[in-house]
């Protein structure tokens, strides 16, 4: 048995292509988010990666809840 405490699994770093695939967009969209600093990213030399948790937060921030009451119609 090891005496070192268990670490939580590291957050997976996604490529621009993987982010685009998950969002259902072209690679241009996540690259624009990075360029405009609208999403947190990690720079590894010349490579750019987006943490999976950051992508999940970005998606959650854009969610629009359904309307629970029905709006009345104007006559």
Protein backbone atom coordinates (compact mmCIF):
# COMPACT_ATOMS: atom_id res chain seq x y z
CA UNK A 1 0.00 0.00 0.00
CA UNK A 2 1.17 3.45 -0.85
CA UNK A 3 1.24 6.17 1.80
CA UNK A 4 0.69 8.97 -0.71
CA UNK A 5 -2.90 10.24 -0.86
CA UNK A 6 -4.95 9.32 -3.91
CA UNK A 7 -5.12 12.11 -6.48
CA UNK A 8 -8.24 12.92 -8.44
CA UNK A 9 -7.90 12.09 -12.12
CA UNK A 10 -6.40 14.92 -14.15
CA UNK A 11 -8.75 16.99 -16.27
CA UNK A 12 -8.46 15.75 -19.86
CA UNK A 13 -7.07 18.30 -22.30
CA UNK A 14 -9.00 18.39 -25.58
CA UNK A 15 -7.67 19.42 -28.97
CA UNK A 16 -9.41 22.07 -31.04
CA UNK A 17 -10.69 19.30 -33.33
CA UNK A 18 -12.17 17.37 -30.38
CA UNK A 19 -13.86 20.51 -29.05
CA UNK A 20 -15.31 21.26 -32.48
CA UNK A 21 -16.62 17.71 -32.76
CA UNK A 22 -18.30 17.87 -29.35
CA UNK A 23 -19.89 21.21 -30.18
CA UNK A 24 -20.93 20.08 -33.65
CA UNK A 25 -19.08 22.96 -35.30
CA UNK A 26 -16.06 23.48 -37.50
CA UNK A 27 -12.63 24.03 -35.92
CA UNK A 28 -12.96 27.72 -36.72
CA UNK A 29 -15.48 28.27 -33.89
CA UNK A 30 -13.32 27.02 -30.98
CA UNK A 31 -10.31 28.80 -32.49
CA UNK A 32 -12.33 32.03 -32.48
CA UNK A 33 -13.32 31.45 -28.83
CA UNK A 34 -9.63 31.07 -27.99
CA UNK A 35 -8.57 34.11 -30.03
CA UNK A 36 -11.24 36.28 -28.39
CA UNK A 37 -10.33 34.86 -24.94
CA UNK A 38 -13.94 33.75 -24.41
CA UNK A 39 -12.84 30.31 -23.17
CA UNK A 40 -9.99 29.23 -20.89
CA UNK A 41 -7.24 27.31 -22.65
CA UNK A 42 -3.80 25.82 -22.04
CA UNK A 43 -0.86 26.58 -24.29
CA UNK A 44 1.68 23.76 -24.64
CA UNK A 45 4.40 25.25 -26.79
CA UNK A 46 2.61 26.02 -30.05
CA UNK A 47 -0.27 23.66 -29.28
CA UNK A 48 -3.51 24.79 -27.67
CA UNK A 49 -5.70 22.56 -25.51
CA UNK A 50 -8.99 23.15 -23.73
CA UNK A 51 -9.66 21.38 -20.41
CA UNK A 52 -12.73 19.15 -20.60
CA UNK A 53 -14.22 20.77 -17.49
CA UNK A 54 -13.93 24.21 -19.12
CA UNK A 55 -15.80 22.97 -22.19
CA UNK A 56 -18.53 21.47 -19.98
CA UNK A 57 -18.86 24.81 -18.12
CA UNK A 58 -19.03 26.69 -21.44
CA UNK A 59 -21.84 24.42 -22.63
CA UNK A 60 -23.71 24.69 -19.30
CA UNK A 61 -23.45 28.50 -19.37
CA UNK A 62 -25.21 28.55 -22.74
CA UNK A 63 -28.11 26.34 -21.68
CA UNK A 64 -31.53 27.91 -21.82
CA UNK A 65 -34.10 26.37 -19.46
CA UNK A 66 -37.53 25.49 -20.84
CA UNK A 67 -40.48 27.72 -20.09
CA UNK A 68 -42.68 25.95 -17.55
CA UNK A 69 -45.76 28.16 -17.92
CA UNK A 70 -47.49 28.62 -21.20
CA UNK A 71 -47.54 32.16 -22.51
CA UNK A 72 -50.95 33.57 -23.40
CA UNK A 73 -51.70 34.48 -26.97
CA UNK A 74 -52.62 38.00 -27.98
CA UNK A 75 -55.91 38.35 -29.82
